[in-house]
Amino acid sequence: MSREKIQFIIPKDKATLWAAYEWNTDFGPITWRATYSYTGDMIANGLKNDLDIVPSRFRVDTSIAWTSNDDKWSARLFVDNATDENSLRGITSGNEGNNYRLNGEYLYPRYYGLDVTYRFGEI
């Protein structure tokens, strides 16, 4: 195991691509959106220790939304983490109090839903 001092615990590589397309219809615009994000390897603490490396990850989110022409109604169907990646978000190292246990925090699994909104009164 290597234990050299490092200066940064943030990923060296990080990128996000975003796209949207809108269709104008007689009953209001429909918009499709998609996001791809990538986060490179990173170290979970100030010492470079092989056990503290958080591996690179990616995530894809997508949605389709509609808004009525009078802007009173809107609905959005979405899927977050569409590819259901099981990726670590971070790692924390323990100390002598918990026998140096490592804990990992994962990104949430695929998540989907529907939002519906009605706006009362003037906008």
PDB file of N, CA and C in Angstrom:
ATOM      1  N   MET A   1       0.826  -1.173   0.000  1.00  0.00           N
ATOM      2  CA  MET A   1       0.000   0.000   0.000  1.00  0.00           C
ATOM      3  C   MET A   1       0.879   1.249   0.000  1.00  0.00           C
ATOM      4  N   SER A   2       0.575   2.202  -0.848  1.00  0.00           N
ATOM      5  CA  SER A   2       1.336   3.440  -0.851  1.00  0.00           C
ATOM      6  C   SER A   2       0.695   4.426   0.118  1.00  0.00           C
ATOM      7  N   ARG A   3       1.527   5.247   0.794  1.00  0.00           N
ATOM      8  CA  ARG A   3       1.020   6.264   1.727  1.00  0.00           C
ATOM      9  C   ARG A   3       1.789   7.553   1.510  1.00  0.00           C
ATOM     10  N   GLU A   4       1.655   8.136   0.333  1.00  0.00           N
ATOM     11  CA  GLU A   4       2.316   9.412   0.068  1.00  0.00           C
ATOM     12  C   GLU A   4       1.336  10.548   0.268  1.00  0.00           C
ATOM     13  N   LYS A   5       1.855  11.703   0.683  1.00  0.00           N
ATOM     14  CA  LYS A   5       1.012  12.877   0.915  1.00  0.00           C
ATOM     15  C   LYS A   5       0.555  13.442  -0.423  1.00  0.00           C
ATOM     16  N   ILE A   6      -0.736  13.785  -0.532  1.00  0.00           N
ATOM     17  CA  ILE A   6      -1.256  14.407  -1.738  1.00  0.00           C
ATOM     18  C   ILE A   6      -1.855  15.760  -1.365  1.00  0.00           C
ATOM     19  N   GLN A   7      -2.076  16.610  -2.365  1.00  0.00           N
ATOM     20  CA  GLN A   7      -2.587  17.942  -2.091  1.00  0.00           C
ATOM     21  C   GLN A   7      -4.091  18.054  -2.281  1.00  0.00           C
ATOM     22  N   PHE A   8      -4.673  17.296  -3.188  1.00  0.00           N
ATOM     23  CA  PHE A   8      -6.080  17.453  -3.504  1.00  0.00           C
ATOM     24  C   PHE A   8      -6.831  16.139  -3.337  1.00  0.00           C
ATOM     25  N   ILE A   9      -8.053  16.232  -2.821  1.00  0.00           N
ATOM     26  CA  ILE A   9      -8.884  15.041  -2.704  1.00  0.00           C
ATOM     27  C   ILE A   9     -10.097  15.157  -3.627  1.00  0.00           C
ATOM     28  N   ILE A  10      -9.988  16.007  -4.635  1.00  0.00           N
ATOM     29  CA  ILE A  10     -11.055  16.150  -5.617  1.00  0.00           C
ATOM     30  C   ILE A  10     -10.643  15.412  -6.885  1.00  0.00           C
ATOM     31  N   PRO A  11     -11.594  14.995  -7.700  1.00  0.00           N
ATOM     32  CA  PRO A  11     -11.223  14.268  -8.927  1.00  0.00           C
ATOM     33  C   PRO A  11     -10.497  15.182  -9.908  1.00  0.00           C
ATOM     34  N   LYS A  12      -9.541  14.615 -10.600  1.00  0.00           N
ATOM     35  CA  LYS A  12      -8.811  15.363 -11.628  1.00  0.00           C
ATOM     36  C   LYS A  12      -9.706  15.595 -12.852  1.00  0.00           C
ATOM     37  N   ASP A  13     -10.556  14.630 -13.174  1.00  0.00           N
ATOM     38  CA  ASP A  13     -11.428  14.713 -14.347  1.00  0.00           C
ATOM     39  C   ASP A  13     -12.888  14.717 -13.928  1.00  0.00           C
ATOM     40  N   LYS A  14     -13.640  15.657 -14.495  1.00  0.00           N
ATOM     41  CA  LYS A  14     -15.081  15.727 -14.241  1.00  0.00           C
ATOM     42  C   LYS A  14     -15.709  16.402 -15.450  1.00  0.00           C
ATOM     43  N   ALA A  15     -16.828  15.847 -15.925  1.00  0.00           N
ATOM     44  CA  ALA A  15     -17.486  16.403 -17.113  1.00  0.00           C
ATOM     45  C   ALA A  15     -18.979  16.159 -17.042  1.00  0.00           C
ATOM     46  N   THR A  16     -19.738  17.071 -17.646  1.00  0.00           N
ATOM     47  CA  THR A  16     -21.188  16.922 -17.754  1.00  0.00           C
ATOM     48  C   THR A  16     -21.613  17.324 -19.152  1.00  0.00           C
ATOM     49  N   LEU A  17     -22.403  16.486 -19.803  1.00  0.00           N
ATOM     50  CA  LEU A  17     -22.996  16.802 -21.100  1.00  0.00           C
ATOM     51  C   LEU A  17     -24.497  16.895 -20.893  1.00  0.00           C
ATOM     52  N   TRP A  18     -25.110  17.904 -21.499  1.00  0.00           N
ATOM     53  CA  TRP A  18     -26.538  18.144 -21.300  1.00  0.00           C
ATOM     54  C   TRP A  18     -27.169  18.414 -22.649  1.00  0.00           C
ATOM     55  N   ALA A  19     -28.351  17.885 -22.877  1.00  0.00           N
ATOM     56  CA  ALA A  19     -29.060  18.111 -24.140  1.00  0.00           C
ATOM     57  C   ALA A  19     -30.549  18.274 -23.857  1.00  0.00           C
ATOM     58  N   ALA A  20     -31.205  19.057 -24.715  1.00  0.00           N
ATOM     59  CA  ALA A  20     -32.649  19.241 -24.601  1.00  0.00           C
ATOM     60  C   ALA A  20     -33.225  19.429 -25.992  1.00  0.00           C
ATOM     61  N   TYR A  21     -34.453  18.988 -26.168  1.00  0.00           N
ATOM     62  CA  TYR A  21     -35.155  19.192 -27.426  1.00  0.00           C
ATOM     63  C   TYR A  21     -36.602  19.512 -27.102  1.00  0.00           C
ATOM     64  N   GLU A  22     -37.159  20.526 -27.760  1.00  0.00           N
ATOM     65  CA  GLU A  22     -38.532  20.946 -27.476  1.00  0.00           C
ATOM     66  C   GLU A  22     -39.399  20.827 -28.719  1.00  0.00           C
ATOM     67  N   TRP A  23     -40.589  20.248 -28.529  1.00  0.00           N
ATOM     68  CA  TRP A  23     -41.597  20.168 -29.582  1.00  0.00           C
ATOM     69  C   TRP A  23     -42.724  21.133 -29.209  1.00  0.00           C
ATOM     70  N   ASN A  24     -43.105  21.993 -30.114  1.00  0.00           N
ATOM     71  CA  ASN A  24     -44.264  22.858 -29.894  1.00  0.00           C
ATOM     72  C   ASN A  24     -45.487  22.139 -30.430  1.00  0.00           C
ATOM     73  N   THR A  25     -46.491  21.967 -29.571  1.00  0.00           N
ATOM     74  CA  THR A  25     -47.716  21.262 -29.957  1.00  0.00           C
ATOM     75  C   THR A  25     -48.913  22.200 -29.731  1.00  0.00           C
ATOM     76  N   ASP A  26     -50.054  21.805 -30.217  1.00  0.00           N
ATOM     77  CA  ASP A  26     -51.272  22.602 -30.043  1.00  0.00           C
ATOM     78  C   ASP A  26     -51.707  22.707 -28.575  1.00  0.00           C
ATOM     79  N   PHE A  27     -51.305  21.748 -27.752  1.00  0.00           N
ATOM     80  CA  PHE A  27     -51.702  21.748 -26.345  1.00  0.00           C
ATOM     81  C   PHE A  27     -50.573  22.165 -25.408  1.00  0.00           C
ATOM     82  N   GLY A  28     -49.458  22.680 -25.936  1.00  0.00           N
ATOM     83  CA  GLY A  28     -48.336  23.172 -25.132  1.00  0.00           C
ATOM     84  C   GLY A  28     -47.034  22.484 -25.487  1.00  0.00           C
ATOM     85  N   PRO A  29     -45.891  23.093 -25.120  1.00  0.00           N
ATOM     86  CA  PRO A  29     -44.582  22.519 -25.455  1.00  0.00           C
ATOM     87  C   PRO A  29     -44.272  21.249 -24.661  1.00  0.00           C
ATOM     88  N   ILE A  30     -43.592  20.331 -25.326  1.00  0.00           N
ATOM     89  CA  ILE A  30     -43.073  19.109 -24.698  1.00  0.00           C
ATOM     90  C   ILE A  30     -41.560  19.169 -24.835  1.00  0.00           C
ATOM     91  N   THR A  31     -40.860  18.975 -23.715  1.00  0.00           N
ATOM     92  CA  THR A  31     -39.402  19.086 -23.713  1.00  0.00           C
ATOM     93  C   THR A  31     -38.782  17.802 -23.191  1.00  0.00           C
ATOM     94  N   TRP A  32     -37.827  17.260 -23.959  1.00  0.00           N
ATOM     95  CA  TRP A  32     -37.037  16.107 -23.516  1.00  0.00           C
ATOM     96  C   TRP A  32     -35.672  16.629 -23.081  1.00  0.00           C
ATOM     97  N   ARG A  33     -35.170  16.149 -21.956  1.00  0.00           N
ATOM     98  CA  ARG A  33     -33.844  16.538 -21.455  1.00  0.00           C
ATOM     99  C   ARG A  33     -33.069  15.282 -21.069  1.00  0.00           C
ATOM    100  N   ALA A  34     -31.752  15.346 -21.254  1.00  0.00           N
ATOM    101  CA  ALA A  34     -30.880  14.245 -20.832  1.00  0.00           C
ATOM    102  C   ALA A  34     -29.564  14.833 -20.338  1.00  0.00           C
ATOM    103  N   THR A  35     -29.013  14.202 -19.310  1.00  0.00           N
ATOM    104  CA  THR A  35     -27.732  14.624 -18.745  1.00  0.00           C
ATOM    105  C   THR A  35     -26.850  13.398 -18.552  1.00  0.00           C
ATOM    106  N   TYR A  36     -25.586  13.509 -18.977  1.00  0.00           N
ATOM    107  CA  TYR A  36     -24.571  12.484 -18.727  1.00  0.00           C
ATOM    108  C   TYR A  36     -23.483  13.160 -17.904  1.00  0.00           C
ATOM    109  N   SER A  37     -23.141  12.604 -16.759  1.00  0.00           N
ATOM    110  CA  SER A  37     -22.057  13.175 -15.968  1.00  0.00           C
ATOM    111  C   SER A  37     -21.026  12.099 -15.638  1.00  0.00           C
ATOM    112  N   TYR A  38     -19.765  12.527 -15.636  1.00  0.00           N
ATOM    113  CA  TYR A  38     -18.633  11.639 -15.355  1.00  0.00           C
ATOM    114  C   TYR A  38     -17.789  12.281 -14.261  1.00  0.00           C
ATOM    115  N   THR A  39     -17.383  11.469 -13.289  1.00  0.00           N
ATOM    116  CA  THR A  39     -16.459  11.899 -12.247  1.00  0.00           C
ATOM    117  C   THR A  39     -15.323  10.889 -12.198  1.00  0.00           C
ATOM    118  N   GLY A  40     -14.094  11.375 -12.325  1.00  0.00           N
ATOM    119  CA  GLY A  40     -12.924  10.494 -12.320  1.00  0.00           C
ATOM    120  C   GLY A  40     -12.570  10.001 -10.929  1.00  0.00           C
ATOM    121  N   ASP A  41     -11.550   9.149 -10.871  1.00  0.00           N
ATOM    122  CA  ASP A  41     -11.058   8.630  -9.593  1.00  0.00           C
ATOM    123  C   ASP A  41     -10.712   9.778  -8.659  1.00  0.00           C
ATOM    124  N   MET A  42     -10.881   9.535  -7.363  1.00  0.00           N
ATOM    125  CA  MET A  42     -10.442  10.523  -6.374  1.00  0.00           C
ATOM    126  C   MET A  42     -10.036   9.811  -5.099  1.00  0.00           C
ATOM    127  N   ILE A  43      -9.356  10.547  -4.248  1.00  0.00           N
ATOM    128  CA  ILE A  43      -8.885  10.010  -2.976  1.00  0.00           C
ATOM    129  C   ILE A  43      -9.813  10.532  -1.883  1.00  0.00           C
ATOM    130  N   ALA A  44     -10.202   9.684  -0.950  1.00  0.00           N
ATOM    131  CA  ALA A  44     -11.191  10.042   0.060  1.00  0.00           C
ATOM    132  C   ALA A  44     -10.615  10.784   1.268  1.00  0.00           C
ATOM    133  N   ASN A  45      -9.303  10.876   1.391  1.00  0.00           N
ATOM    134  CA  ASN A  45      -8.722  11.652   2.498  1.00  0.00           C
ATOM    135  C   ASN A  45      -7.387  12.249   2.066  1.00  0.00           C
ATOM    136  N   GLY A  46      -6.676  12.894   2.966  1.00  0.00           N
ATOM    137  CA  GLY A  46      -5.446  13.605   2.626  1.00  0.00           C
ATOM    138  C   GLY A  46      -4.228  12.739   2.383  1.00  0.00           C
ATOM    139  N   LEU A  47      -4.299  11.453   2.650  1.00  0.00           N
ATOM    140  CA  LEU A  47      -3.182  10.542   2.381  1.00  0.00           C
ATOM    141  C   LEU A  47      -3.560   9.612   1.250  1.00  0.00           C
ATOM    142  N   LYS A  48      -2.632   9.401   0.337  1.00  0.00           N
ATOM    143  CA  LYS A  48      -2.913   8.496  -0.777  1.00  0.00           C
ATOM    144  C   LYS A  48      -2.749   7.068  -0.275  1.00  0.00           C
ATOM    145  N   ASN A  49      -3.876   6.434  -0.039  1.00  0.00           N
ATOM    146  CA  ASN A  49      -3.915   5.081   0.480  1.00  0.00           C
ATOM    147  C   ASN A  49      -4.801   4.286  -0.476  1.00  0.00           C
ATOM    148  N   ASP A  50      -4.344   3.144  -0.925  1.00  0.00           N
ATOM    149  CA  ASP A  50      -5.108   2.357  -1.896  1.00  0.00           C
ATOM    150  C   ASP A  50      -6.539   2.068  -1.448  1.00  0.00           C
ATOM    151  N   LEU A  51      -6.762   1.940  -0.143  1.00  0.00           N
ATOM    152  CA  LEU A  51      -8.105   1.657   0.361  1.00  0.00           C
ATOM    153  C   LEU A  51      -9.020   2.882   0.310  1.00  0.00           C
ATOM    154  N   ASP A  52      -8.462   4.072   0.121  1.00  0.00           N
ATOM    155  CA  ASP A  52      -9.244   5.305   0.116  1.00  0.00           C
ATOM    156  C   ASP A  52      -9.533   5.836  -1.289  1.00  0.00           C
ATOM    157  N   ILE A  53      -9.266   5.042  -2.313  1.00  0.00           N
ATOM    158  CA  ILE A  53      -9.533   5.484  -3.686  1.00  0.00           C
ATOM    159  C   ILE A  53     -11.006   5.242  -4.021  1.00  0.00           C
ATOM    160  N   VAL A  54     -11.678   6.310  -4.420  1.00  0.00           N
ATOM    161  CA  VAL A  54     -13.067   6.212  -4.876  1.00  0.00           C
ATOM    162  C   VAL A  54     -13.007   6.079  -6.391  1.00  0.00           C
ATOM    163  N   PRO A  55     -13.450   4.962  -6.964  1.00  0.00           N
ATOM    164  CA  PRO A  55     -13.316   4.756  -8.408  1.00  0.00           C
ATOM    165  C   PRO A  55     -14.183   5.726  -9.220  1.00  0.00           C
ATOM    166  N   SER A  56     -13.803   5.914 -10.467  1.00  0.00           N
ATOM    167  CA  SER A  56     -14.557   6.796 -11.357  1.00  0.00           C
ATOM    168  C   SER A  56     -15.982   6.270 -11.533  1.00  0.00           C
ATOM    169  N   ARG A  57     -16.869   7.191 -11.916  1.00  0.00           N
ATOM    170  CA  ARG A  57     -18.271   6.804 -12.077  1.00  0.00           C
ATOM    171  C   ARG A  57     -18.926   7.685 -13.127  1.00  0.00           C
ATOM    172  N   PHE A  58     -20.073   7.220 -13.621  1.00  0.00           N
ATOM    173  CA  PHE A  58     -20.876   8.038 -14.518  1.00  0.00           C
ATOM    174  C   PHE A  58     -22.336   7.879 -14.134  1.00  0.00           C
ATOM    175  N   ARG A  59     -23.138   8.804 -14.635  1.00  0.00           N
ATOM    176  CA  ARG A  59     -24.565   8.770 -14.330  1.00  0.00           C
ATOM    177  C   ARG A  59     -25.334   9.390 -15.490  1.00  0.00           C
ATOM    178  N   VAL A  60     -26.509   8.822 -15.787  1.00  0.00           N
ATOM    179  CA  VAL A  60     -27.381   9.323 -16.851  1.00  0.00           C
ATOM    180  C   VAL A  60     -28.750   9.620 -16.239  1.00  0.00           C
ATOM    181  N   ASP A  61     -29.229  10.843 -16.452  1.00  0.00           N
ATOM    182  CA  ASP A  61     -30.573  11.251 -16.024  1.00  0.00           C
ATOM    183  C   ASP A  61     -31.338  11.710 -17.258  1.00  0.00           C
ATOM    184  N   THR A  62     -32.635  11.479 -17.291  1.00  0.00           N
ATOM    185  CA  THR A  62     -33.438  11.917 -18.425  1.00  0.00           C
ATOM    186  C   THR A  62     -34.851  12.254 -17.956  1.00  0.00           C
ATOM    187  N   SER A  63     -35.517  13.129 -18.713  1.00  0.00           N
ATOM    188  CA  SER A  63     -36.896  13.486 -18.375  1.00  0.00           C
ATOM    189  C   SER A  63     -37.618  13.984 -19.613  1.00  0.00           C
ATOM    190  N   ILE A  64     -38.935  13.941 -19.551  1.00  0.00           N
ATOM    191  CA  ILE A  64     -39.778  14.539 -20.575  1.00  0.00           C
ATOM    192  C   ILE A  64     -40.844  15.337 -19.825  1.00  0.00           C
ATOM    193  N   ALA A  65     -41.040  16.595 -20.258  1.00  0.00           N
ATOM    194  CA  ALA A  65     -41.942  17.495 -19.542  1.00  0.00           C
ATOM    195  C   ALA A  65     -42.906  18.168 -20.505  1.00  0.00           C
ATOM    196  N   TRP A  66     -44.083  18.490 -19.987  1.00  0.00           N
ATOM    197  CA  TRP A  66     -45.114  19.199 -20.748  1.00  0.00           C
ATOM    198  C   TRP A  66     -45.605  20.365 -19.919  1.00  0.00           C
ATOM    199  N   THR A  67     -45.867  21.501 -20.573  1.00  0.00           N
ATOM    200  CA  THR A  67     -46.469  22.665 -19.937  1.00  0.00           C
ATOM    201  C   THR A  67     -47.642  23.113 -20.797  1.00  0.00           C
ATOM    202  N   SER A  68     -48.791  23.367 -20.157  1.00  0.00           N
ATOM    203  CA  SER A  68     -49.970  23.802 -20.914  1.00  0.00           C
ATOM    204  C   SER A  68     -49.740  25.197 -21.492  1.00  0.00           C
ATOM    205  N   ASN A  69     -50.468  25.517 -22.532  1.00  0.00           N
ATOM    206  CA  ASN A  69     -50.318  26.823 -23.180  1.00  0.00           C
ATOM    207  C   ASN A  69     -50.609  27.988 -22.233  1.00  0.00           C
ATOM    208  N   ASP A  70     -51.527  27.802 -21.277  1.00  0.00           N
ATOM    209  CA  ASP A  70     -51.825  28.878 -20.324  1.00  0.00           C
ATOM    210  C   ASP A  70     -50.871  28.863 -19.121  1.00  0.00           C
ATOM    211  N   ASP A  71     -49.904  27.952 -19.104  1.00  0.00           N
ATOM    212  CA  ASP A  71     -48.869  27.834 -18.071  1.00  0.00           C
ATOM    213  C   ASP A  71     -49.435  27.483 -16.692  1.00  0.00           C
ATOM    214  N   LYS A  72     -50.656  26.977 -16.629  1.00  0.00           N
ATOM    215  CA  LYS A  72     -51.235  26.586 -15.337  1.00  0.00           C
ATOM    216  C   LYS A  72     -50.918  25.134 -14.982  1.00  0.00           C
ATOM    217  N   TRP A  73     -50.853  24.259 -15.972  1.00  0.00           N
ATOM    218  CA  TRP A  73     -50.567  22.840 -15.756  1.00  0.00           C
ATOM    219  C   TRP A  73     -49.170  22.506 -16.275  1.00  0.00           C
ATOM    220  N   SER A  74     -48.491  21.629 -15.558  1.00  0.00           N
ATOM    221  CA  SER A  74     -47.243  21.060 -16.072  1.00  0.00           C
ATOM    222  C   SER A  74     -47.092  19.657 -15.506  1.00  0.00           C
ATOM    223  N   ALA A  75     -46.398  18.819 -16.243  1.00  0.00           N
ATOM    224  CA  ALA A  75     -46.135  17.438 -15.811  1.00  0.00           C
ATOM    225  C   ALA A  75     -44.751  17.046 -16.294  1.00  0.00           C
ATOM    226  N   ARG A  76     -44.067  16.272 -15.493  1.00  0.00           N
ATOM    227  CA  ARG A  76     -42.718  15.818 -15.859  1.00  0.00           C
ATOM    228  C   ARG A  76     -42.554  14.375 -15.433  1.00  0.00           C
ATOM    229  N   LEU A  77     -42.154  13.527 -16.374  1.00  0.00           N
ATOM    230  CA  LEU A  77     -41.811  12.133 -16.118  1.00  0.00           C
ATOM    231  C   LEU A  77     -40.290  12.062 -16.165  1.00  0.00           C
ATOM    232  N   PHE A  78     -39.651  11.514 -15.117  1.00  0.00           N
ATOM    233  CA  PHE A  78     -38.190  11.525 -15.058  1.00  0.00           C
ATOM    234  C   PHE A  78     -37.628  10.178 -14.616  1.00  0.00           C
ATOM    235  N   VAL A  79     -36.371   9.945 -15.005  1.00  0.00           N
ATOM    236  CA  VAL A  79     -35.598   8.795 -14.544  1.00  0.00           C
ATOM    237  C   VAL A  79     -34.210   9.305 -14.192  1.00  0.00           C
ATOM    238  N   ASP A  80     -33.825   9.197 -12.930  1.00  0.00           N
ATOM    239  CA  ASP A  80     -32.471   9.533 -12.477  1.00  0.00           C
ATOM    240  C   ASP A  80     -31.674   8.239 -12.361  1.00  0.00           C
ATOM    241  N   ASN A  81     -30.385   8.304 -12.677  1.00  0.00           N
ATOM    242  CA  ASN A  81     -29.523   7.121 -12.696  1.00  0.00           C
ATOM    243  C   ASN A  81     -30.157   6.032 -13.567  1.00  0.00           C
ATOM    244  N   ALA A  82     -30.463   6.402 -14.795  1.00  0.00           N
ATOM    245  CA  ALA A  82     -31.207   5.536 -15.722  1.00  0.00           C
ATOM    246  C   ALA A  82     -30.536   4.191 -15.968  1.00  0.00           C
ATOM    247  N   THR A  83     -29.215   4.140 -15.916  1.00  0.00           N
ATOM    248  CA  THR A  83     -28.498   2.881 -16.146  1.00  0.00           C
ATOM    249  C   THR A  83     -28.311   2.075 -14.861  1.00  0.00           C
ATOM    250  N   ASP A  84     -28.856   2.575 -13.745  1.00  0.00           N
ATOM    251  CA  ASP A  84     -28.820   1.902 -12.447  1.00  0.00           C
ATOM    252  C   ASP A  84     -27.396   1.546 -12.016  1.00  0.00           C
ATOM    253  N   GLU A  85     -26.488   2.513 -12.138  1.00  0.00           N
ATOM    254  CA  GLU A  85     -25.099   2.304 -11.715  1.00  0.00           C
ATOM    255  C   GLU A  85     -25.027   2.193 -10.196  1.00  0.00           C
ATOM    256  N   ASN A  86     -24.245   1.278  -9.721  1.00  0.00           N
ATOM    257  CA  ASN A  86     -24.012   1.072  -8.297  1.00  0.00           C
ATOM    258  C   ASN A  86     -22.638   1.648  -7.978  1.00  0.00           C
ATOM    259  N   SER A  87     -22.556   2.973  -7.852  1.00  0.00           N
ATOM    260  CA  SER A  87     -21.273   3.657  -7.754  1.00  0.00           C
ATOM    261  C   SER A  87     -21.056   4.277  -6.382  1.00  0.00           C
ATOM    262  N   LEU A  88     -19.811   4.196  -5.918  1.00  0.00           N
ATOM    263  CA  LEU A  88     -19.431   4.847  -4.665  1.00  0.00           C
ATOM    264  C   LEU A  88     -19.374   6.348  -4.864  1.00  0.00           C
ATOM    265  N   ARG A  89     -19.892   7.087  -3.889  1.00  0.00           N
ATOM    266  CA  ARG A  89     -19.807   8.543  -3.918  1.00  0.00           C
ATOM    267  C   ARG A  89     -18.657   9.021  -3.036  1.00  0.00           C
ATOM    268  N   GLY A  90     -18.367   8.285  -1.994  1.00  0.00           N
ATOM    269  CA  GLY A  90     -17.292   8.662  -1.083  1.00  0.00           C
ATOM    270  C   GLY A  90     -16.966   7.536  -0.129  1.00  0.00           C
ATOM    271  N   ILE A  91     -15.797   7.644   0.483  1.00  0.00           N
ATOM    272  CA  ILE A  91     -15.331   6.674   1.468  1.00  0.00           C
ATOM    273  C   ILE A  91     -14.813   7.455   2.666  1.00  0.00           C
ATOM    274  N   THR A  92     -15.134   6.991   3.861  1.00  0.00           N
ATOM    275  CA  THR A  92     -14.573   7.597   5.060  1.00  0.00           C
ATOM    276  C   THR A  92     -13.801   6.532   5.824  1.00  0.00           C
ATOM    277  N   SER A  93     -12.662   6.939   6.385  1.00  0.00           N
ATOM    278  CA  SER A  93     -11.824   6.036   7.162  1.00  0.00           C
ATOM    279  C   SER A  93     -12.134   6.185   8.634  1.00  0.00           C
ATOM    280  N   GLY A  94     -12.140   5.075   9.321  1.00  0.00           N
ATOM    281  CA  GLY A  94     -12.373   5.092  10.756  1.00  0.00           C
ATOM    282  C   GLY A  94     -11.106   5.390  11.528  1.00  0.00           C
ATOM    283  N   ASN A  95     -11.187   5.218  12.833  1.00  0.00           N
ATOM    284  CA  ASN A  95     -10.038   5.402  13.716  1.00  0.00           C
ATOM    285  C   ASN A  95     -10.010   4.253  14.714  1.00  0.00           C
ATOM    286  N   GLU A  96      -9.182   4.391  15.744  1.00  0.00           N
ATOM    287  CA  GLU A  96      -9.061   3.294  16.700  1.00  0.00           C
ATOM    288  C   GLU A  96     -10.383   3.018  17.417  1.00  0.00           C
ATOM    289  N   GLY A  97     -11.265   3.993  17.526  1.00  0.00           N
ATOM    290  CA  GLY A  97     -12.563   3.823  18.201  1.00  0.00           C
ATOM    291  C   GLY A  97     -13.481   2.842  17.500  1.00  0.00           C
ATOM    292  N   ASN A  98     -13.349   2.698  16.163  1.00  0.00           N
ATOM    293  CA  ASN A  98     -14.190   1.724  15.443  1.00  0.00           C
ATOM    294  C   ASN A  98     -13.334   0.738  14.648  1.00  0.00           C
ATOM    295  N   ASN A  99     -12.126   0.492  15.177  1.00  0.00           N
ATOM    296  CA  ASN A  99     -11.211  -0.491  14.595  1.00  0.00           C
ATOM    297  C   ASN A  99     -10.865  -0.165  13.137  1.00  0.00           C
ATOM    298  N   TYR A 100     -10.753   1.142  12.825  1.00  0.00           N
ATOM    299  CA  TYR A 100     -10.336   1.631  11.493  1.00  0.00           C
ATOM    300  C   TYR A 100     -11.240   1.140  10.375  1.00  0.00           C
ATOM    301  N   ARG A 101     -12.526   1.054  10.668  1.00  0.00           N
ATOM    302  CA  ARG A 101     -13.504   0.592   9.689  1.00  0.00           C
ATOM    303  C   ARG A 101     -13.660   1.619   8.564  1.00  0.00           C
ATOM    304  N   LEU A 102     -13.750   1.125   7.334  1.00  0.00           N
ATOM    305  CA  LEU A 102     -14.037   1.973   6.179  1.00  0.00           C
ATOM    306  C   LEU A 102     -15.538   1.969   5.924  1.00  0.00           C
ATOM    307  N   ASN A 103     -16.093   3.125   5.629  1.00  0.00           N
ATOM    308  CA  ASN A 103     -17.511   3.244   5.286  1.00  0.00           C
ATOM    309  C   ASN A 103     -17.621   3.855   3.903  1.00  0.00           C
ATOM    310  N   GLY A 104     -18.484   3.289   3.084  1.00  0.00           N
ATOM    311  CA  GLY A 104     -18.701   3.825   1.746  1.00  0.00           C
ATOM    312  C   GLY A 104     -20.109   4.355   1.601  1.00  0.00           C
ATOM    313  N   GLU A 105     -20.245   5.445   0.868  1.00  0.00           N
ATOM    314  CA  GLU A 105     -21.559   6.025   0.595  1.00  0.00           C
ATOM    315  C   GLU A 105     -21.827   5.881  -0.896  1.00  0.00           C
ATOM    316  N   TYR A 106     -22.935   5.241  -1.232  1.00  0.00           N
ATOM    317  CA  TYR A 106     -23.279   4.991  -2.625  1.00  0.00           C
ATOM    318  C   TYR A 106     -24.260   6.032  -3.144  1.00  0.00           C
ATOM    319  N   LEU A 107     -24.198   6.294  -4.436  1.00  0.00           N
ATOM    320  CA  LEU A 107     -25.226   7.088  -5.087  1.00  0.00           C
ATOM    321  C   LEU A 107     -26.526   6.290  -5.044  1.00  0.00           C
ATOM    322  N   TYR A 108     -27.654   6.974  -5.028  1.00  0.00           N
ATOM    323  CA  TYR A 108     -28.905   6.228  -4.959  1.00  0.00           C
ATOM    324  C   TYR A 108     -29.148   5.470  -6.265  1.00  0.00           C
ATOM    325  N   PRO A 109     -29.850   4.339  -6.194  1.00  0.00           N
ATOM    326  CA  PRO A 109     -30.110   3.528  -7.393  1.00  0.00           C
ATOM    327  C   PRO A 109     -31.090   4.238  -8.329  1.00  0.00           C
ATOM    328  N   ARG A 110     -31.439   3.563  -9.435  1.00  0.00           N
ATOM    329  CA  ARG A 110     -32.385   4.136 -10.387  1.00  0.00           C
ATOM    330  C   ARG A 110     -33.606   4.647  -9.629  1.00  0.00           C
ATOM    331  N   TYR A 111     -34.016   5.852 -10.010  1.00  0.00           N
ATOM    332  CA  TYR A 111     -35.122   6.517  -9.332  1.00  0.00           C
ATOM    333  C   TYR A 111     -35.979   7.168 -10.397  1.00  0.00           C
ATOM    334  N   TYR A 112     -37.271   6.952 -10.347  1.00  0.00           N
ATOM    335  CA  TYR A 112     -38.141   7.529 -11.367  1.00  0.00           C
ATOM    336  C   TYR A 112     -39.408   8.054 -10.710  1.00  0.00           C
ATOM    337  N   GLY A 113     -40.063   8.955 -11.433  1.00  0.00           N
ATOM    338  CA  GLY A 113     -41.279   9.505 -10.867  1.00  0.00           C
ATOM    339  C   GLY A 113     -42.003  10.404 -11.848  1.00  0.00           C
ATOM    340  N   LEU A 114     -43.100  10.952 -11.358  1.00  0.00           N
ATOM    341  CA  LEU A 114     -43.940  11.849 -12.133  1.00  0.00           C
ATOM    342  C   LEU A 114     -44.284  13.038 -11.248  1.00  0.00           C
ATOM    343  N   ASP A 115     -44.000  14.238 -11.731  1.00  0.00           N
ATOM    344  CA  ASP A 115     -44.393  15.474 -11.053  1.00  0.00           C
ATOM    345  C   ASP A 115     -45.560  16.065 -11.830  1.00  0.00           C
ATOM    346  N   VAL A 116     -46.611  16.472 -11.143  1.00  0.00           N
ATOM    347  CA  VAL A 116     -47.729  17.178 -11.769  1.00  0.00           C
ATOM    348  C   VAL A 116     -47.963  18.441 -10.961  1.00  0.00           C
ATOM    349  N   THR A 117     -48.074  19.576 -11.651  1.00  0.00           N
ATOM    350  CA  THR A 117     -48.249  20.863 -10.980  1.00  0.00           C
ATOM    351  C   THR A 117     -49.432  21.614 -11.576  1.00  0.00           C
ATOM    352  N   TYR A 118     -50.232  22.213 -10.690  1.00  0.00           N
ATOM    353  CA  TYR A 118     -51.276  23.141 -11.118  1.00  0.00           C
ATOM    354  C   TYR A 118     -51.034  24.457 -10.391  1.00  0.00           C
ATOM    355  N   ARG A 119     -51.000  25.549 -11.129  1.00  0.00           N
ATOM    356  CA  ARG A 119     -50.754  26.863 -10.561  1.00  0.00           C
ATOM    357  C   ARG A 119     -52.087  27.600 -10.374  1.00  0.00           C
ATOM    358  N   PHE A 120     -52.387  27.972  -9.141  1.00  0.00           N
ATOM    359  CA  PHE A 120     -53.620  28.707  -8.828  1.00  0.00           C
ATOM    360  C   PHE A 120     -53.370  30.205  -8.974  1.00  0.00           C
ATOM    361  N   GLY A 121     -54.328  30.952  -9.411  1.00  0.00           N
ATOM    362  CA  GLY A 121     -54.214  32.396  -9.473  1.00  0.00           C
ATOM    363  C   GLY A 121     -53.360  32.866 -10.643  1.00  0.00           C
ATOM    364  N   GLU A 122     -52.964  34.137 -10.545  1.00  0.00           N
ATOM    365  CA  GLU A 122     -52.160  34.754 -11.612  1.00  0.00           C
ATOM    366  C   GLU A 122     -50.712  34.306 -11.522  1.00  0.00           C
ATOM    367  N   ILE A 123     -50.072  34.311 -12.671  1.00  0.00           N
ATOM    368  CA  ILE A 123     -48.669  33.908 -12.741  1.00  0.00           C
ATOM    369  C   ILE A 123     -47.806  35.138 -12.910  1.00  0.00           C
TER     370      ILE A 123
END
